[in-house]
Amino acid sequence: MRAGGTSELKQPSEEVQQLLETVKTELEEKMERKLDKFLLVSYKTQVVAGTNYFAKIDIGGEELVHLRVYKNLQGEVSLHSHQHPKTREEDIQYF
């Protein structure tokens, strides 16, 4: 990983799944719909003053969303932004 860049693609982990679930309600509000499914497919990280998580999330059917979630040094987690719709084949890019 180069300085300031994102990590290589990582496989899902229970720890990151749980971290991302803390922003699910906020994502539902932004998307103006209830999500029946919220499953981490893969992710990348970026170390800043805390950590950015760039995640690919399966939200059911053939729908996927990319999230940018920030965890600060105090452990507080917030949804920075999201991109929708995305396909399973699309790589997670910095946004």
N, C-alpha and C. Protein backbone atom coordinates (compact mmCIF):
# COMPACT_ATOMS: atom_id res chain seq x y z
N MET A 1 0.85 -1.18 0.00
CA MET A 1 0.00 0.00 0.00
C MET A 1 0.89 1.24 0.00
N ARG A 2 0.65 2.14 -0.92
CA ARG A 2 1.43 3.38 -0.95
C ARG A 2 0.87 4.36 0.07
N ALA A 3 1.71 5.29 0.50
CA ALA A 3 1.28 6.26 1.51
C ALA A 3 0.04 7.01 1.04
N GLY A 4 -0.97 7.02 1.88
CA GLY A 4 -2.21 7.72 1.55
C GLY A 4 -3.14 6.95 0.63
N GLY A 5 -2.66 5.85 0.05
CA GLY A 5 -3.48 5.06 -0.87
C GLY A 5 -4.31 4.04 -0.12
N THR A 6 -5.13 3.31 -0.88
CA THR A 6 -5.95 2.26 -0.28
C THR A 6 -5.20 0.94 -0.30
N SER A 7 -5.61 0.06 0.57
CA SER A 7 -5.03 -1.27 0.66
C SER A 7 -5.45 -2.12 -0.54
N GLU A 8 -4.88 -3.30 -0.61
CA GLU A 8 -5.35 -4.29 -1.56
C GLU A 8 -6.76 -4.72 -1.13
N LEU A 9 -7.48 -5.34 -2.05
CA LEU A 9 -8.82 -5.83 -1.76
C LEU A 9 -8.76 -6.89 -0.66
N LYS A 10 -9.64 -6.78 0.32
CA LYS A 10 -9.68 -7.71 1.44
C LYS A 10 -10.99 -8.48 1.43
N GLN A 11 -10.93 -9.71 1.92
CA GLN A 11 -12.12 -10.54 2.03
C GLN A 11 -12.91 -10.13 3.28
N PRO A 12 -14.22 -10.42 3.29
CA PRO A 12 -15.06 -10.01 4.41
C PRO A 12 -14.58 -10.61 5.73
N SER A 13 -14.81 -9.87 6.80
CA SER A 13 -14.55 -10.38 8.15
C SER A 13 -15.74 -10.00 9.03
N GLU A 14 -15.96 -10.77 10.06
CA GLU A 14 -17.07 -10.50 10.97
C GLU A 14 -16.89 -9.14 11.66
N GLU A 15 -15.66 -8.80 11.99
CA GLU A 15 -15.38 -7.52 12.65
C GLU A 15 -15.77 -6.32 11.78
N VAL A 16 -15.39 -6.38 10.49
CA VAL A 16 -15.72 -5.27 9.58
C VAL A 16 -17.21 -5.27 9.26
N GLN A 17 -17.82 -6.45 9.11
CA GLN A 17 -19.27 -6.53 8.89
C GLN A 17 -20.00 -5.81 10.02
N GLN A 18 -19.62 -6.09 11.26
CA GLN A 18 -20.28 -5.46 12.41
C GLN A 18 -20.04 -3.96 12.44
N LEU A 19 -18.83 -3.54 12.11
CA LEU A 19 -18.52 -2.11 12.07
C LEU A 19 -19.42 -1.41 11.05
N LEU A 20 -19.56 -1.99 9.86
CA LEU A 20 -20.36 -1.38 8.81
C LEU A 20 -21.85 -1.37 9.14
N GLU A 21 -22.30 -2.37 9.86
CA GLU A 21 -23.72 -2.43 10.24
C GLU A 21 -24.13 -1.25 11.11
N THR A 22 -23.16 -0.59 11.75
CA THR A 22 -23.50 0.57 12.58
C THR A 22 -23.98 1.75 11.74
N VAL A 23 -23.72 1.74 10.43
CA VAL A 23 -24.18 2.84 9.56
C VAL A 23 -25.34 2.42 8.66
N LYS A 24 -25.85 1.21 8.84
CA LYS A 24 -26.93 0.71 7.96
C LYS A 24 -28.17 1.61 8.00
N THR A 25 -28.59 2.02 9.18
CA THR A 25 -29.79 2.87 9.31
C THR A 25 -29.58 4.19 8.58
N GLU A 26 -28.40 4.77 8.72
CA GLU A 26 -28.09 6.03 8.03
C GLU A 26 -28.13 5.84 6.51
N LEU A 27 -27.59 4.71 6.04
CA LEU A 27 -27.63 4.40 4.60
C LEU A 27 -29.08 4.26 4.13
N GLU A 28 -29.90 3.56 4.91
CA GLU A 28 -31.32 3.39 4.54
C GLU A 28 -32.01 4.74 4.42
N GLU A 29 -31.68 5.66 5.31
CA GLU A 29 -32.27 7.00 5.24
C GLU A 29 -31.82 7.72 3.97
N LYS A 30 -30.54 7.63 3.64
CA LYS A 30 -30.04 8.29 2.43
C LYS A 30 -30.62 7.67 1.16
N MET A 31 -30.83 6.35 1.17
CA MET A 31 -31.38 5.66 0.00
C MET A 31 -32.90 5.69 -0.02
N GLU A 32 -33.50 6.15 1.09
CA GLU A 32 -34.96 6.25 1.24
C GLU A 32 -35.65 4.92 1.03
N ARG A 33 -35.06 3.87 1.64
CA ARG A 33 -35.67 2.54 1.58
C ARG A 33 -35.06 1.63 2.64
N LYS A 34 -35.82 0.62 3.02
CA LYS A 34 -35.37 -0.39 3.97
C LYS A 34 -34.57 -1.44 3.21
N LEU A 35 -33.42 -1.83 3.77
CA LEU A 35 -32.59 -2.85 3.14
C LEU A 35 -32.79 -4.18 3.85
N ASP A 36 -33.28 -5.18 3.11
CA ASP A 36 -33.51 -6.50 3.70
C ASP A 36 -32.21 -7.27 3.88
N LYS A 37 -31.23 -6.94 3.06
CA LYS A 37 -29.94 -7.62 3.11
C LYS A 37 -28.84 -6.56 3.23
N PHE A 38 -27.76 -6.89 3.94
CA PHE A 38 -26.65 -5.96 4.11
C PHE A 38 -25.41 -6.82 4.40
N LEU A 39 -24.83 -7.35 3.33
CA LEU A 39 -23.75 -8.34 3.47
C LEU A 39 -22.47 -7.83 2.82
N LEU A 40 -21.42 -7.74 3.62
CA LEU A 40 -20.11 -7.31 3.13
C LEU A 40 -19.57 -8.33 2.13
N VAL A 41 -19.19 -7.86 0.93
CA VAL A 41 -18.62 -8.71 -0.11
C VAL A 41 -17.10 -8.62 -0.09
N SER A 42 -16.58 -7.38 -0.03
CA SER A 42 -15.15 -7.14 0.02
C SER A 42 -14.93 -5.69 0.44
N TYR A 43 -13.67 -5.36 0.76
CA TYR A 43 -13.41 -3.98 1.18
C TYR A 43 -11.93 -3.65 1.03
N LYS A 44 -11.66 -2.35 1.10
CA LYS A 44 -10.31 -1.81 1.13
C LYS A 44 -10.26 -0.83 2.29
N THR A 45 -9.07 -0.57 2.80
CA THR A 45 -8.92 0.41 3.86
C THR A 45 -7.91 1.47 3.46
N GLN A 46 -8.01 2.60 4.12
CA GLN A 46 -7.06 3.69 3.94
C GLN A 46 -6.80 4.29 5.32
N VAL A 47 -5.54 4.29 5.72
CA VAL A 47 -5.19 4.86 7.02
C VAL A 47 -4.99 6.35 6.85
N VAL A 48 -5.76 7.10 7.62
CA VAL A 48 -5.68 8.56 7.66
C VAL A 48 -5.57 8.90 9.15
N ALA A 49 -6.16 9.97 9.62
CA ALA A 49 -6.26 10.20 11.07
C ALA A 49 -7.45 9.37 11.54
N GLY A 50 -7.27 8.07 11.51
CA GLY A 50 -8.32 7.08 11.70
C GLY A 50 -8.24 6.14 10.50
N THR A 51 -9.36 5.54 10.13
CA THR A 51 -9.38 4.61 9.00
C THR A 51 -10.61 4.84 8.15
N ASN A 52 -10.41 4.92 6.83
CA ASN A 52 -11.52 4.90 5.88
C ASN A 52 -11.71 3.46 5.42
N TYR A 53 -12.95 3.03 5.38
CA TYR A 53 -13.31 1.72 4.85
C TYR A 53 -14.09 1.95 3.56
N PHE A 54 -13.63 1.37 2.48
CA PHE A 54 -14.32 1.41 1.19
C PHE A 54 -14.87 0.00 0.99
N ALA A 55 -16.18 -0.16 1.09
CA ALA A 55 -16.77 -1.49 1.14
C ALA A 55 -17.79 -1.72 0.03
N LYS A 56 -17.80 -2.96 -0.46
CA LYS A 56 -18.82 -3.41 -1.42
C LYS A 56 -19.82 -4.23 -0.62
N ILE A 57 -21.10 -3.79 -0.66
CA ILE A 57 -22.16 -4.40 0.14
C ILE A 57 -23.26 -4.95 -0.77
N ASP A 58 -23.61 -6.20 -0.55
CA ASP A 58 -24.73 -6.84 -1.26
C ASP A 58 -26.00 -6.46 -0.50
N ILE A 59 -26.93 -5.77 -1.20
CA ILE A 59 -28.17 -5.35 -0.53
C ILE A 59 -29.38 -6.12 -1.05
N GLY A 60 -29.11 -7.23 -1.74
CA GLY A 60 -30.20 -8.11 -2.17
C GLY A 60 -30.44 -8.08 -3.67
N GLY A 61 -30.98 -9.17 -4.16
CA GLY A 61 -31.20 -9.29 -5.61
C GLY A 61 -29.85 -9.20 -6.30
N GLU A 62 -29.77 -8.39 -7.30
CA GLU A 62 -28.50 -8.16 -7.98
C GLU A 62 -27.91 -6.79 -7.61
N GLU A 63 -28.46 -6.18 -6.56
CA GLU A 63 -28.04 -4.83 -6.19
C GLU A 63 -26.86 -4.82 -5.23
N LEU A 64 -25.91 -3.95 -5.54
CA LEU A 64 -24.78 -3.71 -4.65
C LEU A 64 -24.59 -2.22 -4.48
N VAL A 65 -24.00 -1.86 -3.35
CA VAL A 65 -23.70 -0.46 -3.05
C VAL A 65 -22.27 -0.41 -2.54
N HIS A 66 -21.56 0.67 -2.87
CA HIS A 66 -20.24 0.90 -2.33
C HIS A 66 -20.36 1.96 -1.24
N LEU A 67 -19.72 1.71 -0.11
CA LEU A 67 -19.76 2.64 1.02
C LEU A 67 -18.37 3.18 1.31
N ARG A 68 -18.33 4.39 1.79
CA ARG A 68 -17.11 4.94 2.38
C ARG A 68 -17.48 5.27 3.81
N VAL A 69 -16.87 4.57 4.73
CA VAL A 69 -17.16 4.70 6.15
C VAL A 69 -15.87 5.10 6.86
N TYR A 70 -15.98 6.07 7.76
CA TYR A 70 -14.82 6.57 8.48
C TYR A 70 -14.91 6.18 9.95
N LYS A 71 -13.81 5.65 10.48
CA LYS A 71 -13.69 5.35 11.91
C LYS A 71 -12.56 6.20 12.45
N ASN A 72 -12.89 7.13 13.36
CA ASN A 72 -11.86 8.03 13.88
C ASN A 72 -11.04 7.36 14.98
N LEU A 73 -10.05 8.06 15.49
CA LEU A 73 -9.15 7.50 16.48
C LEU A 73 -9.83 7.23 17.82
N GLN A 74 -10.98 7.84 18.05
CA GLN A 74 -11.75 7.59 19.26
C GLN A 74 -12.70 6.40 19.09
N GLY A 75 -12.74 5.82 17.89
CA GLY A 75 -13.59 4.67 17.63
C GLY A 75 -14.97 5.00 17.12
N GLU A 76 -15.26 6.29 16.88
CA GLU A 76 -16.57 6.68 16.37
C GLU A 76 -16.64 6.39 14.88
N VAL A 77 -17.77 5.84 14.44
CA VAL A 77 -17.94 5.42 13.05
C VAL A 77 -19.01 6.27 12.38
N SER A 78 -18.74 6.72 11.14
CA SER A 78 -19.73 7.52 10.41
C SER A 78 -19.71 7.17 8.93
N LEU A 79 -20.87 7.27 8.32
CA LEU A 79 -21.01 7.06 6.87
C LEU A 79 -20.58 8.34 6.17
N HIS A 80 -19.54 8.26 5.38
CA HIS A 80 -19.06 9.43 4.63
C HIS A 80 -19.88 9.61 3.37
N SER A 81 -19.99 8.54 2.57
CA SER A 81 -20.76 8.61 1.32
C SER A 81 -21.03 7.19 0.81
N HIS A 82 -21.88 7.13 -0.22
CA HIS A 82 -22.18 5.84 -0.84
C HIS A 82 -22.36 6.04 -2.34
N GLN A 83 -22.20 4.93 -3.08
CA GLN A 83 -22.42 4.92 -4.52
C GLN A 83 -23.36 3.78 -4.85
N HIS A 84 -24.41 4.09 -5.61
CA HIS A 84 -25.42 3.09 -5.98
C HIS A 84 -26.05 3.52 -7.29
N PRO A 85 -26.28 2.63 -8.21
CA PRO A 85 -26.06 1.18 -8.13
C PRO A 85 -24.64 0.80 -8.56
N LYS A 86 -24.21 -0.36 -8.10
CA LYS A 86 -22.93 -0.95 -8.47
C LYS A 86 -23.17 -2.40 -8.85
N THR A 87 -22.24 -2.95 -9.63
CA THR A 87 -22.33 -4.37 -10.00
C THR A 87 -21.31 -5.17 -9.21
N ARG A 88 -21.51 -6.47 -9.15
CA ARG A 88 -20.60 -7.36 -8.44
C ARG A 88 -19.19 -7.29 -9.02
N GLU A 89 -19.10 -7.02 -10.33
CA GLU A 89 -17.80 -7.01 -11.02
C GLU A 89 -17.04 -5.71 -10.82
N GLU A 90 -17.72 -4.63 -10.47
CA GLU A 90 -17.04 -3.33 -10.34
C GLU A 90 -16.08 -3.32 -9.17
N ASP A 91 -14.86 -2.85 -9.44
CA ASP A 91 -13.84 -2.74 -8.41
C ASP A 91 -14.18 -1.56 -7.50
N ILE A 92 -13.78 -1.66 -6.26
CA ILE A 92 -13.97 -0.56 -5.32
C ILE A 92 -12.90 0.48 -5.59
N GLN A 93 -13.34 1.67 -5.93
CA GLN A 93 -12.42 2.79 -6.21
C GLN A 93 -12.50 3.80 -5.08
N TYR A 94 -11.48 4.61 -4.95
CA TYR A 94 -11.49 5.71 -3.97
C TYR A 94 -12.57 6.71 -4.39
N PHE A 95 -13.38 7.13 -3.43
CA PHE A 95 -14.38 8.17 -3.71
C PHE A 95 -14.63 8.98 -2.45
